[in-house]
């Protein structure tokens, strides 16, 4: 799962030029710890959920994608 999420973040960074990648997680969801472990940090807290943002400097470079695009 971690590899898949890093692939999504890497692709998002390529397409959207390193704009923030955020997730919204219910406070009762134990996945909050998993997100923190792989590089997300809490940026906002609400009544029932938290918003977490991926910190780009924590991505493992072996999961970065290299896309070769040939334009006509």
PDB file of N, CA and C in Angstrom:
ATOM      1  N   UNK A   1       0.824  -1.193   0.000  1.00  0.00           N
ATOM      2  CA  UNK A   1       0.000   0.000   0.000  1.00  0.00           C
ATOM      3  C   UNK A   1       0.870   1.259   0.000  1.00  0.00           C
ATOM      4  N   UNK A   2       1.957   1.213   0.774  1.00  0.00           N
ATOM      5  CA  UNK A   2       2.857   2.357   0.827  1.00  0.00           C
ATOM      6  C   UNK A   2       3.434   2.646  -0.561  1.00  0.00           C
ATOM      7  N   UNK A   3       3.828   1.609  -1.262  1.00  0.00           N
ATOM      8  CA  UNK A   3       4.396   1.790  -2.595  1.00  0.00           C
ATOM      9  C   UNK A   3       3.378   2.407  -3.549  1.00  0.00           C
ATOM     10  N   UNK A   4       2.137   1.966  -3.455  1.00  0.00           N
ATOM     11  CA  UNK A   4       1.086   2.507  -4.319  1.00  0.00           C
ATOM     12  C   UNK A   4       0.834   3.984  -4.019  1.00  0.00           C
ATOM     13  N   UNK A   5       0.819   4.339  -2.742  1.00  0.00           N
ATOM     14  CA  UNK A   5       0.595   5.735  -2.381  1.00  0.00           C
ATOM     15  C   UNK A   5       1.751   6.609  -2.839  1.00  0.00           C
ATOM     16  N   UNK A   6       2.987   6.125  -2.676  1.00  0.00           N
ATOM     17  CA  UNK A   6       4.135   6.889  -3.150  1.00  0.00           C
ATOM     18  C   UNK A   6       4.103   7.055  -4.664  1.00  0.00           C
ATOM     19  N   UNK A   7       3.610   6.031  -5.364  1.00  0.00           N
ATOM     20  CA  UNK A   7       3.487   6.144  -6.822  1.00  0.00           C
ATOM     21  C   UNK A   7       2.486   7.238  -7.183  1.00  0.00           C
ATOM     22  N   UNK A   8       1.373   7.299  -6.468  1.00  0.00           N
ATOM     23  CA  UNK A   8       0.367   8.337  -6.713  1.00  0.00           C
ATOM     24  C   UNK A   8       0.941   9.720  -6.418  1.00  0.00           C
ATOM     25  N   UNK A   9       1.645   9.863  -5.312  1.00  0.00           N
ATOM     26  CA  UNK A   9       2.239  11.150  -4.949  1.00  0.00           C
ATOM     27  C   UNK A   9       3.275  11.566  -5.993  1.00  0.00           C
ATOM     28  N   UNK A  10       4.085  10.624  -6.417  1.00  0.00           N
ATOM     29  CA  UNK A  10       5.109  10.924  -7.415  1.00  0.00           C
ATOM     30  C   UNK A  10       4.480  11.367  -8.730  1.00  0.00           C
ATOM     31  N   UNK A  11       3.460  10.670  -9.178  1.00  0.00           N
ATOM     32  CA  UNK A  11       2.773  11.036 -10.410  1.00  0.00           C
ATOM     33  C   UNK A  11       2.085  12.392 -10.264  1.00  0.00           C
ATOM     34  N   UNK A  12       1.496  12.625  -9.111  1.00  0.00           N
ATOM     35  CA  UNK A  12       0.854  13.912  -8.850  1.00  0.00           C
ATOM     36  C   UNK A  12       1.879  15.045  -8.891  1.00  0.00           C
ATOM     37  N   UNK A  13       3.041  14.807  -8.309  1.00  0.00           N
ATOM     38  CA  UNK A  13       4.102  15.819  -8.347  1.00  0.00           C
ATOM     39  C   UNK A  13       4.510  16.142  -9.777  1.00  0.00           C
ATOM     40  N   UNK A  14       4.577  15.134 -10.612  1.00  0.00           N
ATOM     41  CA  UNK A  14       4.952  15.337 -12.010  1.00  0.00           C
ATOM     42  C   UNK A  14       3.889  16.139 -12.751  1.00  0.00           C
ATOM     43  N   UNK A  15       2.636  15.756 -12.564  1.00  0.00           N
ATOM     44  CA  UNK A  15       1.536  16.394 -13.307  1.00  0.00           C
ATOM     45  C   UNK A  15       1.243  17.793 -12.792  1.00  0.00           C
ATOM     46  N   UNK A  16       1.234  17.968 -11.474  1.00  0.00           N
ATOM     47  CA  UNK A  16       0.804  19.235 -10.882  1.00  0.00           C
ATOM     48  C   UNK A  16       1.957  20.076 -10.340  1.00  0.00           C
ATOM     49  N   UNK A  17       3.174  19.743 -10.729  1.00  0.00           N
ATOM     50  CA  UNK A  17       4.341  20.552 -10.401  1.00  0.00           C
ATOM     51  C   UNK A  17       4.502  20.783  -8.895  1.00  0.00           C
ATOM     52  N   UNK A  18       4.458  19.714  -8.137  1.00  0.00           N
ATOM     53  CA  UNK A  18       4.726  19.714  -6.698  1.00  0.00           C
ATOM     54  C   UNK A  18       3.742  20.540  -5.869  1.00  0.00           C
ATOM     55  N   UNK A  19       2.482  20.562  -6.290  1.00  0.00           N
ATOM     56  CA  UNK A  19       1.461  21.161  -5.431  1.00  0.00           C
ATOM     57  C   UNK A  19       1.194  20.194  -4.275  1.00  0.00           C
ATOM     58  N   UNK A  20       0.719  20.703  -3.143  1.00  0.00           N
ATOM     59  CA  UNK A  20       0.528  19.839  -1.971  1.00  0.00           C
ATOM     60  C   UNK A  20      -0.428  18.670  -2.232  1.00  0.00           C
ATOM     61  N   UNK A  21      -0.075  17.519  -1.698  1.00  0.00           N
ATOM     62  CA  UNK A  21      -0.922  16.334  -1.747  1.00  0.00           C
ATOM     63  C   UNK A  21      -1.477  16.154  -0.344  1.00  0.00           C
ATOM     64  N   UNK A  22      -2.808  16.210  -0.222  1.00  0.00           N
ATOM     65  CA  UNK A  22      -3.452  16.141   1.090  1.00  0.00           C
ATOM     66  C   UNK A  22      -4.456  15.004   1.157  1.00  0.00           C
ATOM     67  N   UNK A  23      -4.681  14.511   2.351  1.00  0.00           N
ATOM     68  CA  UNK A  23      -5.728  13.526   2.615  1.00  0.00           C
ATOM     69  C   UNK A  23      -6.543  14.009   3.806  1.00  0.00           C
ATOM     70  N   UNK A  24      -7.792  13.612   3.827  1.00  0.00           N
ATOM     71  CA  UNK A  24      -8.675  13.898   4.944  1.00  0.00           C
ATOM     72  C   UNK A  24      -8.980  12.562   5.615  1.00  0.00           C
ATOM     73  N   UNK A  25      -8.683  12.463   6.914  1.00  0.00           N
ATOM     74  CA  UNK A  25      -8.814  11.199   7.628  1.00  0.00           C
ATOM     75  C   UNK A  25      -9.664  11.408   8.876  1.00  0.00           C
ATOM     76  N   UNK A  26     -10.616  10.515   9.089  1.00  0.00           N
ATOM     77  CA  UNK A  26     -11.411  10.578  10.316  1.00  0.00           C
ATOM     78  C   UNK A  26     -10.502  10.420  11.527  1.00  0.00           C
ATOM     79  N   UNK A  27     -10.779  11.190  12.570  1.00  0.00           N
ATOM     80  CA  UNK A  27      -9.951  11.125  13.778  1.00  0.00           C
ATOM     81  C   UNK A  27      -9.934   9.721  14.391  1.00  0.00           C
ATOM     82  N   UNK A  28     -11.020   8.989  14.212  1.00  0.00           N
ATOM     83  CA  UNK A  28     -11.111   7.650  14.789  1.00  0.00           C
ATOM     84  C   UNK A  28     -10.399   6.591  13.944  1.00  0.00           C
ATOM     85  N   UNK A  29      -9.876   6.959  12.801  1.00  0.00           N
ATOM     86  CA  UNK A  29      -9.237   6.011  11.897  1.00  0.00           C
ATOM     87  C   UNK A  29      -7.780   5.792  12.315  1.00  0.00           C
ATOM     88  N   UNK A  30      -7.412   4.548  12.629  1.00  0.00           N
ATOM     89  CA  UNK A  30      -6.030   4.284  13.022  1.00  0.00           C
ATOM     90  C   UNK A  30      -5.017   4.499  11.888  1.00  0.00           C
ATOM     91  N   UNK A  31      -5.488   4.695  10.680  1.00  0.00           N
ATOM     92  CA  UNK A  31      -4.590   4.941   9.544  1.00  0.00           C
ATOM     93  C   UNK A  31      -3.826   6.252   9.682  1.00  0.00           C
ATOM     94  N   UNK A  32      -4.272   7.124  10.575  1.00  0.00           N
ATOM     95  CA  UNK A  32      -3.549   8.379  10.812  1.00  0.00           C
ATOM     96  C   UNK A  32      -2.089   8.072  11.141  1.00  0.00           C
ATOM     97  N   UNK A  33      -1.849   7.081  11.972  1.00  0.00           N
ATOM     98  CA  UNK A  33      -0.472   6.711  12.340  1.00  0.00           C
ATOM     99  C   UNK A  33       0.306   6.228  11.125  1.00  0.00           C
ATOM    100  N   UNK A  34      -0.339   5.484  10.252  1.00  0.00           N
ATOM    101  CA  UNK A  34       0.310   4.994   9.031  1.00  0.00           C
ATOM    102  C   UNK A  34       0.693   6.159   8.120  1.00  0.00           C
ATOM    103  N   UNK A  35      -0.233   7.099   7.942  1.00  0.00           N
ATOM    104  CA  UNK A  35       0.068   8.271   7.114  1.00  0.00           C
ATOM    105  C   UNK A  35       1.250   9.054   7.686  1.00  0.00           C
ATOM    106  N   UNK A  36       1.282   9.225   8.997  1.00  0.00           N
ATOM    107  CA  UNK A  36       2.399   9.941   9.616  1.00  0.00           C
ATOM    108  C   UNK A  36       3.718   9.195   9.412  1.00  0.00           C
ATOM    109  N   UNK A  37       3.659   7.894   9.499  1.00  0.00           N
ATOM    110  CA  UNK A  37       4.858   7.077   9.361  1.00  0.00           C
ATOM    111  C   UNK A  37       5.472   7.184   7.962  1.00  0.00           C
ATOM    112  N   UNK A  38       4.636   7.381   6.945  1.00  0.00           N
ATOM    113  CA  UNK A  38       5.173   7.418   5.580  1.00  0.00           C
ATOM    114  C   UNK A  38       5.402   8.824   5.056  1.00  0.00           C
ATOM    115  N   UNK A  39       5.158   9.843   5.871  1.00  0.00           N
ATOM    116  CA  UNK A  39       5.558  11.177   5.447  1.00  0.00           C
ATOM    117  C   UNK A  39       4.489  12.247   5.413  1.00  0.00           C
ATOM    118  N   UNK A  40       3.285  11.958   5.902  1.00  0.00           N
ATOM    119  CA  UNK A  40       2.250  12.986   5.982  1.00  0.00           C
ATOM    120  C   UNK A  40       2.319  13.665   7.346  1.00  0.00           C
ATOM    121  N   UNK A  41       1.974  14.937   7.371  1.00  0.00           N
ATOM    122  CA  UNK A  41       1.884  15.677   8.631  1.00  0.00           C
ATOM    123  C   UNK A  41       0.518  16.329   8.745  1.00  0.00           C
ATOM    124  N   UNK A  42       0.001  16.412   9.965  1.00  0.00           N
ATOM    125  CA  UNK A  42      -1.284  17.063  10.191  1.00  0.00           C
ATOM    126  C   UNK A  42      -1.138  18.557   9.957  1.00  0.00           C
ATOM    127  N   UNK A  43      -2.054  19.108   9.138  1.00  0.00           N
ATOM    128  CA  UNK A  43      -2.019  20.548   8.870  1.00  0.00           C
ATOM    129  C   UNK A  43      -3.266  21.254   9.383  1.00  0.00           C
ATOM    130  N   UNK A  44      -4.359  20.521   9.552  1.00  0.00           N
ATOM    131  CA  UNK A  44      -5.606  21.089  10.081  1.00  0.00           C
ATOM    132  C   UNK A  44      -6.343  20.027  10.869  1.00  0.00           C
ATOM    133  N   UNK A  45      -7.004  20.458  11.923  1.00  0.00           N
ATOM    134  CA  UNK A  45      -7.805  19.552  12.731  1.00  0.00           C
ATOM    135  C   UNK A  45      -9.221  20.110  12.831  1.00  0.00           C
ATOM    136  N   UNK A  46     -10.184  19.248  12.587  1.00  0.00           N
ATOM    137  CA  UNK A  46     -11.592  19.622  12.659  1.00  0.00           C
ATOM    138  C   UNK A  46     -12.286  18.720  13.671  1.00  0.00           C
ATOM    139  N   UNK A  47     -13.574  18.894  13.808  1.00  0.00           N
ATOM    140  CA  UNK A  47     -14.314  18.138  14.814  1.00  0.00           C
ATOM    141  C   UNK A  47     -14.190  16.626  14.613  1.00  0.00           C
ATOM    142  N   UNK A  48     -14.374  16.161  13.378  1.00  0.00           N
ATOM    143  CA  UNK A  48     -14.394  14.717  13.133  1.00  0.00           C
ATOM    144  C   UNK A  48     -13.232  14.191  12.298  1.00  0.00           C
ATOM    145  N   UNK A  49     -12.451  15.078  11.722  1.00  0.00           N
ATOM    146  CA  UNK A  49     -11.365  14.613  10.864  1.00  0.00           C
ATOM    147  C   UNK A  49     -10.149  15.531  10.943  1.00  0.00           C
ATOM    148  N   UNK A  50      -9.058  15.031  10.406  1.00  0.00           N
ATOM    149  CA  UNK A  50      -7.839  15.828  10.273  1.00  0.00           C
ATOM    150  C   UNK A  50      -7.450  15.872   8.802  1.00  0.00           C
ATOM    151  N   UNK A  51      -6.799  16.949   8.409  1.00  0.00           N
ATOM    152  CA  UNK A  51      -6.252  17.059   7.066  1.00  0.00           C
ATOM    153  C   UNK A  51      -4.748  16.905   7.207  1.00  0.00           C
ATOM    154  N   UNK A  52      -4.201  16.012   6.388  1.00  0.00           N
ATOM    155  CA  UNK A  52      -2.778  15.731   6.437  1.00  0.00           C
ATOM    156  C   UNK A  52      -2.170  16.028   5.069  1.00  0.00           C
ATOM    157  N   UNK A  53      -0.957  16.565   5.080  1.00  0.00           N
ATOM    158  CA  UNK A  53      -0.286  16.914   3.835  1.00  0.00           C
ATOM    159  C   UNK A  53       1.005  16.120   3.719  1.00  0.00           C
ATOM    160  N   UNK A  54       1.267  15.622   2.515  1.00  0.00           N
ATOM    161  CA  UNK A  54       2.503  14.886   2.286  1.00  0.00           C
ATOM    162  C   UNK A  54       3.665  15.852   2.176  1.00  0.00           C
ATOM    163  N   UNK A  55       4.723  15.564   2.907  1.00  0.00           N
ATOM    164  CA  UNK A  55       5.919  16.395   2.854  1.00  0.00           C
ATOM    165  C   UNK A  55       6.856  15.799   1.807  1.00  0.00           C
ATOM    166  N   UNK A  56       7.034  16.506   0.683  1.00  0.00           N
ATOM    167  CA  UNK A  56       7.746  15.965  -0.476  1.00  0.00           C
ATOM    168  C   UNK A  56       9.175  15.530  -0.184  1.00  0.00           C
ATOM    169  N   UNK A  57       9.801  16.108   0.812  1.00  0.00           N
ATOM    170  CA  UNK A  57      11.185  15.734   1.083  1.00  0.00           C
ATOM    171  C   UNK A  57      11.303  14.347   1.714  1.00  0.00           C
ATOM    172  N   UNK A  58      10.187  13.695   2.021  1.00  0.00           N
ATOM    173  CA  UNK A  58      10.254  12.387   2.653  1.00  0.00           C
ATOM    174  C   UNK A  58      10.056  11.246   1.670  1.00  0.00           C
ATOM    175  N   UNK A  59       9.758  11.544   0.408  1.00  0.00           N
ATOM    176  CA  UNK A  59       9.493  10.469  -0.545  1.00  0.00           C
ATOM    177  C   UNK A  59      10.775   9.718  -0.874  1.00  0.00           C
ATOM    178  N   UNK A  60      10.670   8.421  -0.931  1.00  0.00           N
ATOM    179  CA  UNK A  60      11.803   7.573  -1.265  1.00  0.00           C
ATOM    180  C   UNK A  60      11.984   7.616  -2.778  1.00  0.00           C
ATOM    181  N   UNK A  61      13.139   8.045  -3.234  1.00  0.00           N
ATOM    182  CA  UNK A  61      13.340   8.279  -4.665  1.00  0.00           C
ATOM    183  C   UNK A  61      13.198   7.019  -5.508  1.00  0.00           C
ATOM    184  N   UNK A  62      13.303   5.853  -4.926  1.00  0.00           N
ATOM    185  CA  UNK A  62      13.143   4.648  -5.738  1.00  0.00           C
ATOM    186  C   UNK A  62      11.692   4.465  -6.192  1.00  0.00           C
ATOM    187  N   UNK A  63      10.776   5.242  -5.630  1.00  0.00           N
ATOM    188  CA  UNK A  63       9.382   5.157  -6.041  1.00  0.00           C
ATOM    189  C   UNK A  63       8.985   6.280  -6.988  1.00  0.00           C
ATOM    190  N   UNK A  64       9.906   7.147  -7.351  1.00  0.00           N
ATOM    191  CA  UNK A  64       9.609   8.193  -8.307  1.00  0.00           C
ATOM    192  C   UNK A  64       9.444   7.601  -9.699  1.00  0.00           C
ATOM    193  N   UNK A  65       8.518   8.137 -10.441  1.00  0.00           N
ATOM    194  CA  UNK A  65       8.301   7.690 -11.812  1.00  0.00           C
ATOM    195  C   UNK A  65       9.061   8.568 -12.773  1.00  0.00           C
ATOM    196  N   UNK A  66       9.455   7.975 -13.849  1.00  0.00           N
ATOM    197  CA  UNK A  66      10.053   8.738 -14.944  1.00  0.00           C
ATOM    198  C   UNK A  66       9.161   8.491 -16.154  1.00  0.00           C
ATOM    199  N   UNK A  67       8.535   9.549 -16.633  1.00  0.00           N
ATOM    200  CA  UNK A  67       7.656   9.428 -17.792  1.00  0.00           C
ATOM    201  C   UNK A  67       8.348  10.007 -19.015  1.00  0.00           C
ATOM    202  N   UNK A  68       8.371   9.244 -20.064  1.00  0.00           N
ATOM    203  CA  UNK A  68       8.913   9.729 -21.327  1.00  0.00           C
ATOM    204  C   UNK A  68       7.752  10.088 -22.218  1.00  0.00           C
ATOM    205  N   UNK A  69       7.614  11.361 -22.519  1.00  0.00           N
ATOM    206  CA  UNK A  69       6.501  11.826 -23.329  1.00  0.00           C
ATOM    207  C   UNK A  69       7.059  12.404 -24.624  1.00  0.00           C
ATOM    208  N   UNK A  70       6.551  11.898 -25.726  1.00  0.00           N
ATOM    209  CA  UNK A  70       6.956  12.399 -27.014  1.00  0.00           C
ATOM    210  C   UNK A  70       5.811  13.214 -27.597  1.00  0.00           C
ATOM    211  N   UNK A  71       6.069  14.467 -27.842  1.00  0.00           N
ATOM    212  CA  UNK A  71       5.050  15.332 -28.417  1.00  0.00           C
ATOM    213  C   UNK A  71       5.156  15.302 -29.936  1.00  0.00           C
ATOM    214  N   UNK A  72       4.014  15.382 -30.610  1.00  0.00           N
ATOM    215  CA  UNK A  72       4.036  15.339 -32.080  1.00  0.00           C
ATOM    216  C   UNK A  72       4.722  16.555 -32.676  1.00  0.00           C
TER     217      UNK A  72
END
